[in-house]
Amino acid sequence: MAEEYEETRVHSHGDHKHVERVVVDKTAEAARTAYRMSAFIWLMFGVLISLIGLRVFLKLIGANPGNFFAQFVYSLTDVFLWPFFGLTGNPSANGMVLEIPSIIAMVVYTIIAWVIAKLAWLLFFRS
């Protein structure tokens, strides 16, 4: 059963008033809040996971580590990858590197995002 409350809103426009009766559905508002929180969480983690994926791609194609863009991506993602470095080896050939710990990090961060998004639904939406 939806929780609702009623509001009366009065708008004055010069010499006349406009009165409206509004029924607000608290359940729908809670669902909207939970959806927005969940979308925000997925957006933030999506950006992080995409940056890590870009890093994996740059390492895989043997991008010049002295290039500004590559340095920027590497330095931005290093902070989020340090718990995973040394977890496994990194196969390499001819300057190309497959960073397996980065791929593992992408999976772990996806799971963390899912858990946090589910917690947002549990905290902000009570049906």
Protein backbone atom coordinates (compact mmCIF):
# COMPACT_ATOMS: atom_id res chain seq x y z
CA MET A 1 0.00 0.00 0.00
CA ALA A 2 1.41 3.36 -1.01
CA GLU A 3 1.95 6.00 1.64
CA GLU A 4 0.48 9.32 0.60
CA TYR A 5 -0.03 12.73 2.10
CA GLU A 6 -2.00 15.67 0.90
CA GLU A 7 -0.78 19.24 0.50
CA THR A 8 -2.62 22.40 -0.33
CA ARG A 9 -0.55 24.88 -2.29
CA VAL A 10 -1.62 28.50 -2.67
CA HIS A 11 -0.09 30.68 -5.36
CA SER A 12 -0.85 34.39 -5.39
CA HIS A 13 -0.74 36.21 -8.71
CA GLY A 14 -1.52 39.86 -8.16
CA ASP A 15 -5.19 40.16 -7.30
CA HIS A 16 -6.10 36.46 -7.58
CA LYS A 17 -5.10 33.23 -5.86
CA HIS A 18 -4.62 29.80 -7.31
CA VAL A 19 -5.26 26.97 -4.84
CA GLU A 20 -4.31 23.42 -5.71
CA ARG A 21 -4.63 20.18 -3.82
CA VAL A 22 -1.64 17.89 -4.33
CA VAL A 23 -1.39 14.26 -3.29
CA VAL A 24 2.24 13.22 -2.79
CA ASP A 25 3.17 9.56 -3.02
CA LYS A 26 5.95 8.99 -0.48
CA THR A 27 6.71 5.55 -1.91
CA ALA A 28 7.31 7.01 -5.37
CA GLU A 29 9.53 9.73 -3.89
CA ALA A 30 11.56 7.08 -2.03
CA ALA A 31 11.89 5.04 -5.21
CA ARG A 32 13.07 8.13 -7.11
CA THR A 33 15.67 8.86 -4.42
CA ALA A 34 16.90 5.26 -4.44
CA TYR A 35 17.08 5.28 -8.23
CA ARG A 36 19.08 8.52 -8.28
CA MET A 37 21.50 7.24 -5.64
CA SER A 38 21.92 3.97 -7.51
CA ALA A 39 22.48 5.77 -10.82
CA PHE A 40 25.07 8.06 -9.20
CA ILE A 41 26.92 5.07 -7.71
CA TRP A 42 26.96 3.25 -11.05
CA LEU A 43 28.14 6.41 -12.82
CA MET A 44 31.09 6.90 -10.44
CA PHE A 45 32.14 3.26 -10.55
CA GLY A 46 31.51 3.16 -14.32
CA VAL A 47 33.99 5.98 -14.83
CA LEU A 48 36.54 4.22 -12.61
CA ILE A 49 36.10 0.85 -14.32
CA SER A 50 36.31 2.52 -17.74
CA LEU A 51 39.56 4.25 -16.79
CA ILE A 52 41.01 0.95 -15.60
CA GLY A 53 39.85 -0.66 -18.86
CA LEU A 54 41.55 2.13 -20.80
CA ARG A 55 44.72 1.48 -18.80
CA VAL A 56 44.56 -2.23 -19.67
CA PHE A 57 44.13 -1.32 -23.34
CA LEU A 58 47.02 1.17 -23.32
CA LYS A 59 49.33 -1.37 -21.68
CA LEU A 60 48.15 -4.08 -24.06
CA ILE A 61 48.96 -2.06 -27.19
CA GLY A 62 52.31 -0.97 -25.74
CA ALA A 63 51.46 2.73 -25.49
CA ASN A 64 54.40 5.04 -24.81
CA PRO A 65 54.52 5.42 -21.01
CA GLY A 66 56.18 8.83 -21.45
CA ASN A 67 53.15 10.21 -23.28
CA PHE A 68 51.13 12.75 -21.26
CA PHE A 69 47.79 10.99 -21.79
CA ALA A 70 49.18 7.58 -20.84
CA GLN A 71 50.87 9.06 -17.76
CA PHE A 72 47.61 10.75 -16.78
CA VAL A 73 45.61 7.50 -17.05
CA TYR A 74 48.29 5.49 -15.24
CA SER A 75 48.61 7.98 -12.36
CA LEU A 76 44.84 8.33 -11.99
CA THR A 77 44.29 4.57 -11.81
CA ASP A 78 47.37 3.68 -9.71
CA VAL A 79 45.57 4.77 -6.54
CA PHE A 80 42.72 2.32 -7.14
CA LEU A 81 44.93 -0.52 -8.33
CA TRP A 82 47.58 -0.63 -5.60
CA PRO A 83 45.72 -3.30 -3.56
CA PHE A 84 45.81 -5.57 -6.61
CA PHE A 85 49.41 -5.10 -7.75
CA GLY A 86 51.53 -8.18 -7.15
CA LEU A 87 48.47 -10.43 -7.05
CA THR A 88 49.48 -12.20 -10.25
CA GLY A 89 52.12 -11.85 -12.88
CA ASN A 90 51.78 -9.63 -15.94
CA PRO A 91 52.49 -11.52 -19.17
CA SER A 92 54.38 -9.35 -21.63
CA ALA A 93 55.86 -9.54 -25.12
CA ASN A 94 57.55 -6.84 -27.25
CA GLY A 95 56.59 -4.01 -24.89
CA MET A 96 52.96 -5.10 -24.65
CA VAL A 97 51.72 -6.00 -21.17
CA LEU A 98 48.54 -7.74 -20.05
CA GLU A 99 47.82 -6.39 -16.56
CA ILE A 100 45.80 -9.23 -15.07
CA PRO A 101 45.57 -7.51 -11.65
CA SER A 102 43.82 -4.58 -13.37
CA ILE A 103 41.27 -6.93 -14.92
CA ILE A 104 40.67 -8.49 -11.50
CA ALA A 105 40.26 -4.99 -10.06
CA MET A 106 37.59 -4.22 -12.68
CA VAL A 107 35.63 -7.30 -11.60
CA VAL A 108 36.02 -6.45 -7.90
CA TYR A 109 34.96 -2.81 -8.38
CA THR A 110 31.92 -3.96 -10.36
CA ILE A 111 30.91 -6.21 -7.46
CA ILE A 112 31.49 -3.37 -4.97
CA ALA A 113 29.35 -1.02 -7.08
CA TRP A 114 26.56 -3.59 -7.21
CA VAL A 115 26.64 -4.06 -3.42
CA ILE A 116 26.64 -0.31 -2.71
CA ALA A 117 23.81 0.27 -5.21
CA LYS A 118 21.76 -2.49 -3.55
CA LEU A 119 22.44 -0.92 -0.15
CA ALA A 120 21.16 2.40 -1.48
CA TRP A 121 17.91 0.70 -2.50
CA LEU A 122 17.62 -0.94 0.93
CA LEU A 123 18.28 2.31 2.78
CA PHE A 124 16.24 4.74 0.69
CA PHE A 125 13.36 2.63 -0.60
CA ARG A 126 10.99 0.83 1.70
CA SER A 127 8.04 -0.62 -0.14
